[in-house]
Amino acid sequence: CAKLAGAPPPPKYAINRGILMEGVGCFLAGICGPGVGVTSYSENVGAISLTKVGSKAVIACSGIFMIVISVLGKVGVLFASLPEPIIGGMYIVMFGIIGAVGISNLQFVDLTSSRNIFIIGLSLYLGLAIPAWTADELNSEENSLETGNDEFDALVAVILSSGMIVGGSIACFLDNTLPGTDEERGIASYRLATKAVSNKPLQRKIYAEPLMEKLANRFPVLRRLPFVCHDAE
């Protein structure tokens, strides 16, 4: 998202804060009783790419707007009545951009390396093949995925039905187990690229949270927390 919005790479404390807030969101969702967790959607990557807007104020206004929609049923019906071709067209563009953004991250790795070609090819193929095989098994009379435990079967079905989980897990496992240099894996190139565009004052302006900064300035011990900027103003 930062790359698409033209912002510098997020520092560690900003990433930690994002993970923390997702956990808080899941905790609050469990208290409210919807029975499902909440997380950031990959569609947001496509939306930011199209609009070039990544402002926190816009995100906050969007959250308020969605709360209002959930309270006012008539407004929700208006959005639910959108024709399926329009929604399908939106998804085609957004998911296409998401896929392109994922592929663009390979610019840092050595694509002439047989190691990397093997990892990319195998993870892409199995990320497409295993979910298709899982769907066929779930719809067949002789389901080889059944173990007798309904909860475990549902968990396995969810994991194997997601190409993102399957492909990403295989790629992560192979990249961390097959020997390769930092240059080959793209780590050295990525570090140089992020160092070239890093700007600490700009990072603080974009990623520092005002309320946390005020509390940290008043109580410096809070800067030891992993989701608070460690450098005082």
C-alpha atoms as a PDB file:
ATOM      1  CA  CYS A   1       0.000   0.000   0.000  1.00  0.00           C
ATOM      2  CA  ALA A   2       2.813   2.420   0.826  1.00  0.00           C
ATOM      3  CA  LYS A   3       4.465   1.831  -2.542  1.00  0.00           C
ATOM      4  CA  LEU A   4       1.209   2.373  -4.422  1.00  0.00           C
ATOM      5  CA  ALA A   5       0.440   5.572  -2.509  1.00  0.00           C
ATOM      6  CA  GLY A   6       3.942   6.957  -3.051  1.00  0.00           C
ATOM      7  CA  ALA A   7       4.797   6.790   0.659  1.00  0.00           C
ATOM      8  CA  PRO A   8       8.087   5.553   2.160  1.00  0.00           C
ATOM      9  CA  PRO A   9       8.199   1.965   3.492  1.00  0.00           C
ATOM     10  CA  PRO A  10       6.514   1.657   6.898  1.00  0.00           C
ATOM     11  CA  PRO A  11       8.854   1.312   9.888  1.00  0.00           C
ATOM     12  CA  LYS A  12       8.650  -1.668  12.228  1.00  0.00           C
ATOM     13  CA  TYR A  13       6.583   0.135  14.850  1.00  0.00           C
ATOM     14  CA  ALA A  14       3.912   1.003  12.253  1.00  0.00           C
ATOM     15  CA  ILE A  15       3.688  -2.637  11.132  1.00  0.00           C
ATOM     16  CA  ASN A  16       3.500  -3.788  14.757  1.00  0.00           C
ATOM     17  CA  ARG A  17       0.755  -1.263  15.436  1.00  0.00           C
ATOM     18  CA  GLY A  18      -1.240  -2.548  12.480  1.00  0.00           C
ATOM     19  CA  ILE A  19      -0.995  -6.142  13.721  1.00  0.00           C
ATOM     20  CA  LEU A  20      -1.965  -4.986  17.214  1.00  0.00           C
ATOM     21  CA  MET A  21      -5.080  -3.189  15.971  1.00  0.00           C
ATOM     22  CA  GLU A  22      -6.162  -6.223  13.977  1.00  0.00           C
ATOM     23  CA  GLY A  23      -5.930  -8.243  17.184  1.00  0.00           C
ATOM     24  CA  VAL A  24      -7.932  -5.612  19.054  1.00  0.00           C
ATOM     25  CA  GLY A  25     -10.519  -5.642  16.279  1.00  0.00           C
ATOM     26  CA  CYS A  26     -10.881  -9.431  16.508  1.00  0.00           C
ATOM     27  CA  PHE A  27     -11.187  -9.146  20.299  1.00  0.00           C
ATOM     28  CA  LEU A  28     -13.959  -6.539  20.040  1.00  0.00           C
ATOM     29  CA  ALA A  29     -15.711  -8.568  17.344  1.00  0.00           C
ATOM     30  CA  GLY A  30     -15.739 -11.564  19.690  1.00  0.00           C
ATOM     31  CA  ILE A  31     -17.265  -9.440  22.451  1.00  0.00           C
ATOM     32  CA  CYS A  32     -19.954  -8.063  20.129  1.00  0.00           C
ATOM     33  CA  GLY A  33     -20.840 -11.594  19.066  1.00  0.00           C
ATOM     34  CA  PRO A  34     -20.649 -11.746  15.239  1.00  0.00           C
ATOM     35  CA  GLY A  35     -18.652 -14.973  15.521  1.00  0.00           C
ATOM     36  CA  VAL A  36     -16.019 -14.020  12.915  1.00  0.00           C
ATOM     37  CA  GLY A  37     -12.681 -12.249  13.095  1.00  0.00           C
ATOM     38  CA  VAL A  38     -11.915  -8.976  11.379  1.00  0.00           C
ATOM     39  CA  THR A  39      -8.885  -8.261   9.247  1.00  0.00           C
ATOM     40  CA  SER A  40      -7.643  -5.860   6.608  1.00  0.00           C
ATOM     41  CA  TYR A  41      -8.818  -6.847   3.144  1.00  0.00           C
ATOM     42  CA  SER A  42      -6.518  -7.172   0.153  1.00  0.00           C
ATOM     43  CA  GLU A  43      -9.070  -5.205  -1.903  1.00  0.00           C
ATOM     44  CA  ASN A  44      -7.769  -2.107  -0.130  1.00  0.00           C
ATOM     45  CA  VAL A  45      -4.527  -2.494  -2.086  1.00  0.00           C
ATOM     46  CA  GLY A  46      -6.467  -2.195  -5.349  1.00  0.00           C
ATOM     47  CA  ALA A  47      -8.502   0.751  -4.057  1.00  0.00           C
ATOM     48  CA  ILE A  48      -5.358   2.653  -3.032  1.00  0.00           C
ATOM     49  CA  SER A  49      -3.760   1.900  -6.388  1.00  0.00           C
ATOM     50  CA  LEU A  50      -6.756   3.331  -8.254  1.00  0.00           C
ATOM     51  CA  THR A  51      -7.314   6.402  -6.083  1.00  0.00           C
ATOM     52  CA  LYS A  52      -3.738   7.063  -4.843  1.00  0.00           C
ATOM     53  CA  VAL A  53      -5.328   7.976  -1.486  1.00  0.00           C
ATOM     54  CA  GLY A  54      -3.872   6.435   1.665  1.00  0.00           C
ATOM     55  CA  SER A  55      -4.673   9.154   4.194  1.00  0.00           C
ATOM     56  CA  LYS A  56      -5.539   8.045   7.727  1.00  0.00           C
ATOM     57  CA  ALA A  57      -8.275  10.694   7.824  1.00  0.00           C
ATOM     58  CA  VAL A  58      -9.914   9.169   4.747  1.00  0.00           C
ATOM     59  CA  ILE A  59      -9.739   5.698   6.306  1.00  0.00           C
ATOM     60  CA  ALA A  60     -11.339   7.019   9.524  1.00  0.00           C
ATOM     61  CA  CYS A  61     -14.144   8.722   7.554  1.00  0.00           C
ATOM     62  CA  SER A  62     -14.687   5.508   5.590  1.00  0.00           C
ATOM     63  CA  GLY A  63     -15.017   3.566   8.852  1.00  0.00           C
ATOM     64  CA  ILE A  64     -17.607   6.037  10.156  1.00  0.00           C
ATOM     65  CA  PHE A  65     -19.444   5.834   6.835  1.00  0.00           C
ATOM     66  CA  MET A  66     -19.596   2.020   7.036  1.00  0.00           C
ATOM     67  CA  ILE A  67     -20.928   2.214  10.597  1.00  0.00           C
ATOM     68  CA  VAL A  68     -23.680   4.546   9.404  1.00  0.00           C
ATOM     69  CA  ILE A  69     -24.517   2.179   6.539  1.00  0.00           C
ATOM     70  CA  SER A  70     -24.821  -0.749   8.949  1.00  0.00           C
ATOM     71  CA  VAL A  71     -27.245   1.240  11.133  1.00  0.00           C
ATOM     72  CA  LEU A  72     -29.403   2.634   8.318  1.00  0.00           C
ATOM     73  CA  GLY A  73     -30.916  -0.327   6.526  1.00  0.00           C
ATOM     74  CA  LYS A  74     -32.154   1.657   3.527  1.00  0.00           C
ATOM     75  CA  VAL A  75     -28.640   2.801   2.665  1.00  0.00           C
ATOM     76  CA  GLY A  76     -27.365  -0.756   2.927  1.00  0.00           C
ATOM     77  CA  VAL A  77     -30.136  -1.938   0.596  1.00  0.00           C
ATOM     78  CA  LEU A  78     -29.060   0.727  -1.912  1.00  0.00           C
ATOM     79  CA  PHE A  79     -25.534  -0.683  -2.068  1.00  0.00           C
ATOM     80  CA  ALA A  80     -26.804  -4.265  -2.048  1.00  0.00           C
ATOM     81  CA  SER A  81     -28.944  -3.475  -5.096  1.00  0.00           C
ATOM     82  CA  LEU A  82     -25.915  -2.687  -7.273  1.00  0.00           C
ATOM     83  CA  PRO A  83     -25.977  -4.934 -10.370  1.00  0.00           C
ATOM     84  CA  GLU A  84     -23.638  -7.904 -10.231  1.00  0.00           C
ATOM     85  CA  PRO A  85     -21.834  -6.942 -13.495  1.00  0.00           C
ATOM     86  CA  ILE A  86     -20.745  -3.651 -11.877  1.00  0.00           C
ATOM     87  CA  ILE A  87     -19.423  -5.425  -8.785  1.00  0.00           C
ATOM     88  CA  GLY A  88     -17.760  -8.050 -10.990  1.00  0.00           C
ATOM     89  CA  GLY A  89     -16.058  -5.354 -13.060  1.00  0.00           C
ATOM     90  CA  MET A  90     -14.783  -3.713  -9.890  1.00  0.00           C
ATOM     91  CA  TYR A  91     -13.400  -7.004  -8.623  1.00  0.00           C
ATOM     92  CA  ILE A  92     -11.688  -7.760 -11.940  1.00  0.00           C
ATOM     93  CA  VAL A  93      -9.765  -4.487 -11.778  1.00  0.00           C
ATOM     94  CA  MET A  94      -8.963  -4.653  -8.061  1.00  0.00           C
ATOM     95  CA  PHE A  95      -7.857  -8.287  -7.948  1.00  0.00           C
ATOM     96  CA  GLY A  96      -5.886  -7.800 -11.140  1.00  0.00           C
ATOM     97  CA  ILE A  97      -3.987  -4.961  -9.473  1.00  0.00           C
ATOM     98  CA  ILE A  98      -3.468  -7.063  -6.325  1.00  0.00           C
ATOM     99  CA  GLY A  99      -1.937  -9.843  -8.401  1.00  0.00           C
ATOM    100  CA  ALA A 100       0.275  -7.380 -10.282  1.00  0.00           C
ATOM    101  CA  VAL A 101       1.469  -5.815  -7.020  1.00  0.00           C
ATOM    102  CA  GLY A 102       2.384  -9.238  -5.684  1.00  0.00           C
ATOM    103  CA  ILE A 103       4.327 -10.075  -8.839  1.00  0.00           C
ATOM    104  CA  SER A 104       6.098  -6.682  -8.744  1.00  0.00           C
ATOM    105  CA  ASN A 105       7.723  -7.680  -5.445  1.00  0.00           C
ATOM    106  CA  LEU A 106       9.760 -10.211  -7.419  1.00  0.00           C
ATOM    107  CA  GLN A 107      11.745  -7.339  -8.948  1.00  0.00           C
ATOM    108  CA  PHE A 108      14.214  -7.626  -6.073  1.00  0.00           C
ATOM    109  CA  VAL A 109      14.999 -11.330  -6.494  1.00  0.00           C
ATOM    110  CA  ASP A 110      17.359 -12.904  -9.013  1.00  0.00           C
ATOM    111  CA  LEU A 111      15.015 -14.335 -11.640  1.00  0.00           C
ATOM    112  CA  THR A 112      17.920 -16.000 -13.446  1.00  0.00           C
ATOM    113  CA  SER A 113      18.462 -18.293 -10.439  1.00  0.00           C
ATOM    114  CA  SER A 114      17.150 -21.838 -10.880  1.00  0.00           C
ATOM    115  CA  ARG A 115      16.432 -21.882  -7.122  1.00  0.00           C
ATOM    116  CA  ASN A 116      14.073 -18.914  -7.343  1.00  0.00           C
ATOM    117  CA  ILE A 117      12.429 -20.151 -10.547  1.00  0.00           C
ATOM    118  CA  PHE A 118      11.725 -23.489  -8.850  1.00  0.00           C
ATOM    119  CA  ILE A 119      10.192 -21.813  -5.776  1.00  0.00           C
ATOM    120  CA  ILE A 120       8.039 -19.410  -7.800  1.00  0.00           C
ATOM    121  CA  GLY A 121       6.834 -22.061 -10.240  1.00  0.00           C
ATOM    122  CA  LEU A 122       6.036 -24.703  -7.623  1.00  0.00           C
ATOM    123  CA  SER A 123       4.242 -22.309  -5.261  1.00  0.00           C
ATOM    124  CA  LEU A 124       2.135 -20.835  -8.089  1.00  0.00           C
ATOM    125  CA  TYR A 125       1.218 -24.247  -9.474  1.00  0.00           C
ATOM    126  CA  LEU A 126       0.322 -25.808  -6.125  1.00  0.00           C
ATOM    127  CA  GLY A 127      -1.474 -22.603  -5.081  1.00  0.00           C
ATOM    128  CA  LEU A 128      -3.811 -23.149  -8.026  1.00  0.00           C
ATOM    129  CA  ALA A 129      -3.933 -26.954  -8.111  1.00  0.00           C
ATOM    130  CA  ILE A 130      -4.511 -27.814  -4.434  1.00  0.00           C
ATOM    131  CA  PRO A 131      -7.601 -25.541  -3.959  1.00  0.00           C
ATOM    132  CA  ALA A 132      -9.098 -26.961  -7.181  1.00  0.00           C
ATOM    133  CA  TRP A 133      -8.446 -30.523  -5.968  1.00  0.00           C
ATOM    134  CA  THR A 134      -9.915 -29.651  -2.550  1.00  0.00           C
ATOM    135  CA  ALA A 135     -13.095 -28.305  -4.141  1.00  0.00           C
ATOM    136  CA  ASP A 136     -13.500 -31.524  -6.145  1.00  0.00           C
ATOM    137  CA  GLU A 137     -12.959 -33.651  -3.039  1.00  0.00           C
ATOM    138  CA  LEU A 138     -15.491 -31.687  -0.982  1.00  0.00           C
ATOM    139  CA  ASN A 139     -18.118 -32.115  -3.706  1.00  0.00           C
ATOM    140  CA  SER A 140     -17.449 -35.816  -4.246  1.00  0.00           C
ATOM    141  CA  GLU A 141     -19.237 -38.659  -2.466  1.00  0.00           C
ATOM    142  CA  GLU A 142     -15.963 -40.256  -1.368  1.00  0.00           C
ATOM    143  CA  ASN A 143     -14.322 -37.332   0.397  1.00  0.00           C
ATOM    144  CA  SER A 144     -10.737 -38.316   1.227  1.00  0.00           C
ATOM    145  CA  LEU A 145     -10.419 -35.244   3.483  1.00  0.00           C
ATOM    146  CA  GLU A 146     -12.874 -36.575   6.065  1.00  0.00           C
ATOM    147  CA  THR A 147     -11.227 -37.688   9.304  1.00  0.00           C
ATOM    148  CA  GLY A 148     -14.335 -38.101  11.461  1.00  0.00           C
ATOM    149  CA  ASN A 149     -13.773 -34.850  13.325  1.00  0.00           C
ATOM    150  CA  ASP A 150     -16.050 -32.196  11.823  1.00  0.00           C
ATOM    151  CA  GLU A 151     -14.186 -29.244  13.338  1.00  0.00           C
ATOM    152  CA  PHE A 152     -10.800 -30.469  12.092  1.00  0.00           C
ATOM    153  CA  ASP A 153     -12.246 -31.282   8.662  1.00  0.00           C
ATOM    154  CA  ALA A 154     -13.666 -27.757   8.366  1.00  0.00           C
ATOM    155  CA  LEU A 155     -10.304 -26.235   9.365  1.00  0.00           C
ATOM    156  CA  VAL A 156      -8.399 -28.319   6.805  1.00  0.00           C
ATOM    157  CA  ALA A 157     -10.946 -27.495   4.105  1.00  0.00           C
ATOM    158  CA  VAL A 158     -10.638 -23.760   4.738  1.00  0.00           C
ATOM    159  CA  ILE A 159      -6.836 -23.852   4.629  1.00  0.00           C
ATOM    160  CA  LEU A 160      -6.568 -26.025   1.517  1.00  0.00           C
ATOM    161  CA  SER A 161      -9.290 -24.048  -0.292  1.00  0.00           C
ATOM    162  CA  SER A 162      -7.285 -20.827  -0.118  1.00  0.00           C
ATOM    163  CA  GLY A 163      -4.742 -20.523  -2.885  1.00  0.00           C
ATOM    164  CA  MET A 164      -3.153 -17.595  -1.072  1.00  0.00           C
ATOM    165  CA  ILE A 165      -2.486 -19.666   2.061  1.00  0.00           C
ATOM    166  CA  VAL A 166      -1.285 -22.722   0.153  1.00  0.00           C
ATOM    167  CA  GLY A 167       0.962 -20.895  -2.297  1.00  0.00           C
ATOM    168  CA  GLY A 168       2.280 -18.422   0.262  1.00  0.00           C
ATOM    169  CA  SER A 169       3.056 -21.132   2.821  1.00  0.00           C
ATOM    170  CA  ILE A 170       4.886 -23.281   0.281  1.00  0.00           C
ATOM    171  CA  ALA A 171       6.887 -20.325  -1.039  1.00  0.00           C
ATOM    172  CA  CYS A 172       7.780 -19.196   2.498  1.00  0.00           C
ATOM    173  CA  PHE A 173       8.838 -22.718   3.510  1.00  0.00           C
ATOM    174  CA  LEU A 174      10.973 -23.300   0.435  1.00  0.00           C
ATOM    175  CA  ASP A 175      12.578 -19.850   0.535  1.00  0.00           C
ATOM    176  CA  ASN A 176      13.664 -20.394   4.135  1.00  0.00           C
ATOM    177  CA  THR A 177      14.842 -23.993   3.730  1.00  0.00           C
ATOM    178  CA  LEU A 178      16.568 -24.050   0.327  1.00  0.00           C
ATOM    179  CA  PRO A 179      20.050 -22.513   0.553  1.00  0.00           C
ATOM    180  CA  GLY A 180      20.502 -19.164  -1.165  1.00  0.00           C
ATOM    181  CA  THR A 181      22.454 -15.937  -0.784  1.00  0.00           C
ATOM    182  CA  ASP A 182      20.917 -12.612   0.266  1.00  0.00           C
ATOM    183  CA  GLU A 183      21.533 -11.291  -3.247  1.00  0.00           C
ATOM    184  CA  GLU A 184      19.801 -14.298  -4.756  1.00  0.00           C
ATOM    185  CA  ARG A 185      16.818 -14.021  -2.435  1.00  0.00           C
ATOM    186  CA  GLY A 186      16.468 -10.283  -3.029  1.00  0.00           C
ATOM    187  CA  ILE A 187      17.121  -9.301   0.585  1.00  0.00           C
ATOM    188  CA  ALA A 188      20.181  -7.199  -0.263  1.00  0.00           C
ATOM    189  CA  SER A 189      18.413  -5.389  -3.113  1.00  0.00           C
ATOM    190  CA  TYR A 190      15.364  -4.698  -0.966  1.00  0.00           C
ATOM    191  CA  ARG A 191      17.480  -3.257   1.840  1.00  0.00           C
ATOM    192  CA  LEU A 192      19.246  -0.939  -0.586  1.00  0.00           C
ATOM    193  CA  ALA A 193      15.952   0.150  -2.153  1.00  0.00           C
ATOM    194  CA  THR A 194      14.262   0.867   1.183  1.00  0.00           C
ATOM    195  CA  LYS A 195      17.349   2.668   2.484  1.00  0.00           C
ATOM    196  CA  ALA A 196      17.410   4.894  -0.591  1.00  0.00           C
ATOM    197  CA  VAL A 197      13.809   6.045  -0.142  1.00  0.00           C
ATOM    198  CA  SER A 198      13.740   6.122   3.663  1.00  0.00           C
ATOM    199  CA  ASN A 199      13.176   9.544   5.167  1.00  0.00           C
ATOM    200  CA  LYS A 200      12.782   9.532   8.943  1.00  0.00           C
ATOM    201  CA  PRO A 201      11.016  12.926   9.232  1.00  0.00           C
ATOM    202  CA  LEU A 202       8.588  11.908   6.486  1.00  0.00           C
ATOM    203  CA  GLN A 203       8.089   8.475   8.050  1.00  0.00           C
ATOM    204  CA  ARG A 204       7.267  10.092  11.389  1.00  0.00           C
ATOM    205  CA  LYS A 205       4.814  12.479   9.737  1.00  0.00           C
ATOM    206  CA  ILE A 206       3.014   9.655   7.921  1.00  0.00           C
ATOM    207  CA  TYR A 207       3.156   6.758  10.368  1.00  0.00           C
ATOM    208  CA  ALA A 208       3.377   8.296  13.847  1.00  0.00           C
ATOM    209  CA  GLU A 209       0.064   8.183  15.715  1.00  0.00           C
ATOM    210  CA  PRO A 210      -0.655  11.579  17.395  1.00  0.00           C
ATOM    211  CA  LEU A 211      -2.259  10.198  20.561  1.00  0.00           C
ATOM    212  CA  MET A 212       0.517   7.667  21.119  1.00  0.00           C
ATOM    213  CA  GLU A 213       3.125  10.369  20.520  1.00  0.00           C
ATOM    214  CA  LYS A 214       1.577  12.621  23.165  1.00  0.00           C
ATOM    215  CA  LEU A 215       1.485   9.777  25.683  1.00  0.00           C
ATOM    216  CA  ALA A 216       5.049   8.737  24.817  1.00  0.00           C
ATOM    217  CA  ASN A 217       6.317  12.297  25.222  1.00  0.00           C
ATOM    218  CA  ARG A 218       4.683  12.449  28.626  1.00  0.00           C
ATOM    219  CA  PHE A 219       5.728   8.945  29.673  1.00  0.00           C
ATOM    220  CA  PRO A 220       9.006   8.110  27.862  1.00  0.00           C
ATOM    221  CA  VAL A 221       8.922   4.524  29.120  1.00  0.00           C
ATOM    222  CA  LEU A 222       6.155   3.882  26.551  1.00  0.00           C
ATOM    223  CA  ARG A 223       8.712   4.211  23.773  1.00  0.00           C
ATOM    224  CA  ARG A 224       9.987   0.775  24.766  1.00  0.00           C
ATOM    225  CA  LEU A 225       6.757  -0.705  23.393  1.00  0.00           C
ATOM    226  CA  PRO A 226       7.190  -2.266  19.912  1.00  0.00           C
ATOM    227  CA  PHE A 227       4.267  -0.325  18.398  1.00  0.00           C
ATOM    228  CA  VAL A 228       5.441   3.151  19.465  1.00  0.00           C
ATOM    229  CA  CYS A 229       8.063   5.234  17.650  1.00  0.00           C
ATOM    230  CA  HIS A 230      11.331   4.845  19.560  1.00  0.00           C
ATOM    231  CA  ASP A 231      12.763   8.245  18.573  1.00  0.00           C
ATOM    232  CA  ALA A 232      11.482  11.236  20.502  1.00  0.00           C
ATOM    233  CA  GLU A 233      10.703  14.457  18.628  1.00  0.00           C
END
